[in-house]
Amino acid sequence: MGDVPFTNNSCGQKKGEAVPVGGALNPGDQVQINGSIDLSSCIVGNSNARVFTINLDQQSPILYNYVITVVAEGPHGAFSGWLNLYFTDRTGDRYALGVWKSEKLQHTVAYNSEDPAIVKIEWDS
């Protein structure tokens, strides 16, 4: 397990997507874009919103077997909206996460899947 390189043509844009190069994001892996696990210059949104890191882990199956952990900061200022993130697994299921709080915090999306590996990350503001 380790860093999984993702590629995209939308770094620094408020709407974009990233896909893995050479293999999906599996449990225990962390997203890497342009050679860095610090995604804050790539996955961005309105009013200084940004994503710092994205990890996928397996957890104790109480309700959900898998969890995507995102360290992110939402838009700054009143009525500045949300930073919306979407994760698609190998089954085609899509999971959404909205970040609105303007502090750097950890956010999670827990889910169950027959094939939990993430094959696409999308964002928009």
C-alpha atoms as a PDB file:
ATOM      1  CA  MET A   1       0.000   0.000   0.000  1.00  0.00           C
ATOM      2  CA  GLY A   2       1.170   3.526  -0.631  1.00  0.00           C
ATOM      3  CA  ASP A   3       0.799   6.600  -2.761  1.00  0.00           C
ATOM      4  CA  VAL A   4      -1.262   6.145  -5.933  1.00  0.00           C
ATOM      5  CA  PRO A   5      -0.547   8.636  -8.721  1.00  0.00           C
ATOM      6  CA  PHE A   6      -3.572  10.328 -10.262  1.00  0.00           C
ATOM      7  CA  THR A   7      -3.552  12.439 -13.405  1.00  0.00           C
ATOM      8  CA  ASN A   8      -5.831  15.205 -14.566  1.00  0.00           C
ATOM      9  CA  ASN A   9      -6.079  18.212 -16.846  1.00  0.00           C
ATOM     10  CA  SER A  10      -7.925  20.376 -14.316  1.00  0.00           C
ATOM     11  CA  CYS A  11      -5.371  21.137 -11.589  1.00  0.00           C
ATOM     12  CA  GLY A  12      -6.129  24.478  -9.963  1.00  0.00           C
ATOM     13  CA  GLN A  13      -9.562  24.752 -11.577  1.00  0.00           C
ATOM     14  CA  LYS A  14     -12.783  24.935  -9.560  1.00  0.00           C
ATOM     15  CA  LYS A  15     -14.243  22.005 -11.472  1.00  0.00           C
ATOM     16  CA  GLY A  16     -12.322  18.940 -12.492  1.00  0.00           C
ATOM     17  CA  GLU A  17     -11.615  15.269 -12.233  1.00  0.00           C
ATOM     18  CA  ALA A  18      -8.635  13.028 -11.592  1.00  0.00           C
ATOM     19  CA  VAL A  19      -8.143   9.371 -12.483  1.00  0.00           C
ATOM     20  CA  PRO A  20      -5.472   6.942 -11.314  1.00  0.00           C
ATOM     21  CA  VAL A  21      -2.504   6.079 -13.494  1.00  0.00           C
ATOM     22  CA  GLY A  22      -1.691   2.375 -13.608  1.00  0.00           C
ATOM     23  CA  GLY A  23      -4.099   1.200 -10.907  1.00  0.00           C
ATOM     24  CA  ALA A  24      -7.000   2.242  -8.701  1.00  0.00           C
ATOM     25  CA  LEU A  25      -6.851   3.686  -5.191  1.00  0.00           C
ATOM     26  CA  ASN A  26      -7.157   0.656  -2.893  1.00  0.00           C
ATOM     27  CA  PRO A  27      -7.654   0.438   0.880  1.00  0.00           C
ATOM     28  CA  GLY A  28      -4.477   1.621   2.593  1.00  0.00           C
ATOM     29  CA  ASP A  29      -3.550   3.971  -0.274  1.00  0.00           C
ATOM     30  CA  GLN A  30      -3.227   7.747  -0.487  1.00  0.00           C
ATOM     31  CA  VAL A  31      -3.857   9.964  -3.530  1.00  0.00           C
ATOM     32  CA  GLN A  32      -0.859  11.616  -5.166  1.00  0.00           C
ATOM     33  CA  ILE A  33      -1.218  14.246  -7.918  1.00  0.00           C
ATOM     34  CA  ASN A  34       1.720  15.667  -9.862  1.00  0.00           C
ATOM     35  CA  GLY A  35       4.159  13.829  -7.597  1.00  0.00           C
ATOM     36  CA  SER A  36       2.751  15.202  -4.333  1.00  0.00           C
ATOM     37  CA  ILE A  37       0.391  13.940  -1.636  1.00  0.00           C
ATOM     38  CA  ASP A  38      -0.374  17.620  -0.832  1.00  0.00           C
ATOM     39  CA  LEU A  39      -3.313  18.218  -3.170  1.00  0.00           C
ATOM     40  CA  SER A  40      -4.009  21.807  -2.062  1.00  0.00           C
ATOM     41  CA  SER A  41      -2.770  23.444  -5.264  1.00  0.00           C
ATOM     42  CA  CYS A  42      -4.739  21.050  -7.468  1.00  0.00           C
ATOM     43  CA  ILE A  43      -8.158  20.266  -5.954  1.00  0.00           C
ATOM     44  CA  VAL A  44      -9.526  23.741  -5.260  1.00  0.00           C
ATOM     45  CA  GLY A  45     -12.855  25.527  -5.033  1.00  0.00           C
ATOM     46  CA  ASN A  46     -14.426  28.945  -4.497  1.00  0.00           C
ATOM     47  CA  SER A  47     -12.974  31.394  -1.973  1.00  0.00           C
ATOM     48  CA  ASN A  48      -9.760  29.505  -1.119  1.00  0.00           C
ATOM     49  CA  ALA A  49     -11.411  26.114  -0.600  1.00  0.00           C
ATOM     50  CA  ARG A  50      -8.962  23.244  -1.080  1.00  0.00           C
ATOM     51  CA  VAL A  51      -8.232  19.595  -0.432  1.00  0.00           C
ATOM     52  CA  PHE A  52      -4.975  18.672   1.310  1.00  0.00           C
ATOM     53  CA  THR A  53      -5.030  14.859   1.377  1.00  0.00           C
ATOM     54  CA  ILE A  54      -7.243  11.908   0.390  1.00  0.00           C
ATOM     55  CA  ASN A  55      -6.845   8.382   1.808  1.00  0.00           C
ATOM     56  CA  LEU A  56      -8.864   5.180   1.442  1.00  0.00           C
ATOM     57  CA  ASP A  57      -8.921   2.701   4.321  1.00  0.00           C
ATOM     58  CA  GLN A  58     -10.683  -0.441   5.401  1.00  0.00           C
ATOM     59  CA  GLN A  59     -12.337  -0.188   8.804  1.00  0.00           C
ATOM     60  CA  SER A  60     -14.008  -2.509  11.264  1.00  0.00           C
ATOM     61  CA  PRO A  61     -17.262  -3.527   9.596  1.00  0.00           C
ATOM     62  CA  ILE A  62     -19.777  -2.191  12.110  1.00  0.00           C
ATOM     63  CA  LEU A  63     -21.900  -0.470   9.460  1.00  0.00           C
ATOM     64  CA  TYR A  64     -19.458   0.291   6.645  1.00  0.00           C
ATOM     65  CA  ASN A  65     -16.339  -1.539   5.518  1.00  0.00           C
ATOM     66  CA  TYR A  66     -14.494   1.328   3.813  1.00  0.00           C
ATOM     67  CA  VAL A  67     -13.829   4.984   4.543  1.00  0.00           C
ATOM     68  CA  ILE A  68     -12.435   7.785   2.413  1.00  0.00           C
ATOM     69  CA  THR A  69     -10.700  10.350   4.622  1.00  0.00           C
ATOM     70  CA  VAL A  70     -10.283  13.855   3.221  1.00  0.00           C
ATOM     71  CA  VAL A  71      -8.430  16.684   4.931  1.00  0.00           C
ATOM     72  CA  ALA A  72      -9.929  19.834   3.421  1.00  0.00           C
ATOM     73  CA  GLU A  73     -10.814  23.457   3.998  1.00  0.00           C
ATOM     74  CA  GLY A  74     -14.114  24.796   2.718  1.00  0.00           C
ATOM     75  CA  PRO A  75     -14.772  28.188   1.113  1.00  0.00           C
ATOM     76  CA  HIS A  76     -14.129  31.336   3.173  1.00  0.00           C
ATOM     77  CA  GLY A  77     -16.776  34.020   3.662  1.00  0.00           C
ATOM     78  CA  ALA A  78     -20.521  34.227   4.018  1.00  0.00           C
ATOM     79  CA  PHE A  79     -22.513  32.623   1.201  1.00  0.00           C
ATOM     80  CA  SER A  80     -19.323  31.316  -0.456  1.00  0.00           C
ATOM     81  CA  GLY A  81     -20.867  27.906  -1.043  1.00  0.00           C
ATOM     82  CA  TRP A  82     -19.411  24.420  -0.852  1.00  0.00           C
ATOM     83  CA  LEU A  83     -16.550  22.383  -2.230  1.00  0.00           C
ATOM     84  CA  ASN A  84     -18.215  19.217  -3.554  1.00  0.00           C
ATOM     85  CA  LEU A  85     -16.210  16.022  -3.974  1.00  0.00           C
ATOM     86  CA  TYR A  86     -17.332  12.825  -5.715  1.00  0.00           C
ATOM     87  CA  PHE A  87     -15.619   9.444  -5.585  1.00  0.00           C
ATOM     88  CA  THR A  88     -16.429   6.605  -8.000  1.00  0.00           C
ATOM     89  CA  ASP A  89     -15.515   3.008  -7.169  1.00  0.00           C
ATOM     90  CA  ARG A  90     -14.933   0.109  -9.563  1.00  0.00           C
ATOM     91  CA  THR A  91     -18.597  -0.935  -9.398  1.00  0.00           C
ATOM     92  CA  GLY A  92     -19.613   2.497 -10.725  1.00  0.00           C
ATOM     93  CA  ASP A  93     -21.103   3.621  -7.416  1.00  0.00           C
ATOM     94  CA  ARG A  94     -20.493   7.300  -6.697  1.00  0.00           C
ATOM     95  CA  TYR A  95     -20.061   8.772  -3.217  1.00  0.00           C
ATOM     96  CA  ALA A  96     -20.437  12.483  -2.442  1.00  0.00           C
ATOM     97  CA  LEU A  97     -18.842  14.717   0.179  1.00  0.00           C
ATOM     98  CA  GLY A  98     -19.639  18.406   0.683  1.00  0.00           C
ATOM     99  CA  VAL A  99     -17.133  20.623   2.492  1.00  0.00           C
ATOM    100  CA  TRP A 100     -18.385  23.993   3.665  1.00  0.00           C
ATOM    101  CA  LYS A 101     -16.575  24.837   6.891  1.00  0.00           C
ATOM    102  CA  SER A 102     -13.667  27.229   6.282  1.00  0.00           C
ATOM    103  CA  GLU A 103     -11.321  25.450   8.696  1.00  0.00           C
ATOM    104  CA  LYS A 104      -8.811  22.731   7.811  1.00  0.00           C
ATOM    105  CA  LEU A 105     -10.629  19.629   9.075  1.00  0.00           C
ATOM    106  CA  GLN A 106     -10.867  15.903   8.481  1.00  0.00           C
ATOM    107  CA  HIS A 107     -13.986  14.723   6.629  1.00  0.00           C
ATOM    108  CA  THR A 108     -15.043  11.151   5.898  1.00  0.00           C
ATOM    109  CA  VAL A 109     -17.241   9.174   3.550  1.00  0.00           C
ATOM    110  CA  ALA A 110     -17.959   5.625   4.729  1.00  0.00           C
ATOM    111  CA  TYR A 111     -19.371   3.027   2.334  1.00  0.00           C
ATOM    112  CA  ASN A 112     -19.769  -0.630   1.454  1.00  0.00           C
ATOM    113  CA  SER A 113     -18.844  -2.029  -1.922  1.00  0.00           C
ATOM    114  CA  GLU A 114     -18.155  -5.308  -3.678  1.00  0.00           C
ATOM    115  CA  ASP A 115     -15.119  -3.614  -5.295  1.00  0.00           C
ATOM    116  CA  PRO A 116     -14.186  -0.526  -3.207  1.00  0.00           C
ATOM    117  CA  ALA A 117     -11.179   0.719  -5.223  1.00  0.00           C
ATOM    118  CA  ILE A 118     -11.597   4.354  -6.319  1.00  0.00           C
ATOM    119  CA  VAL A 119     -11.243   4.944 -10.074  1.00  0.00           C
ATOM    120  CA  LYS A 120     -12.270   8.606 -10.320  1.00  0.00           C
ATOM    121  CA  ILE A 121     -12.329  11.741  -8.144  1.00  0.00           C
ATOM    122  CA  GLU A 122     -14.352  14.779  -9.214  1.00  0.00           C
ATOM    123  CA  TRP A 123     -14.776  18.213  -7.667  1.00  0.00           C
ATOM    124  CA  ASP A 124     -16.750  21.398  -8.196  1.00  0.00           C
ATOM    125  CA  SER A 125     -17.766  24.523  -6.309  1.00  0.00           C
END
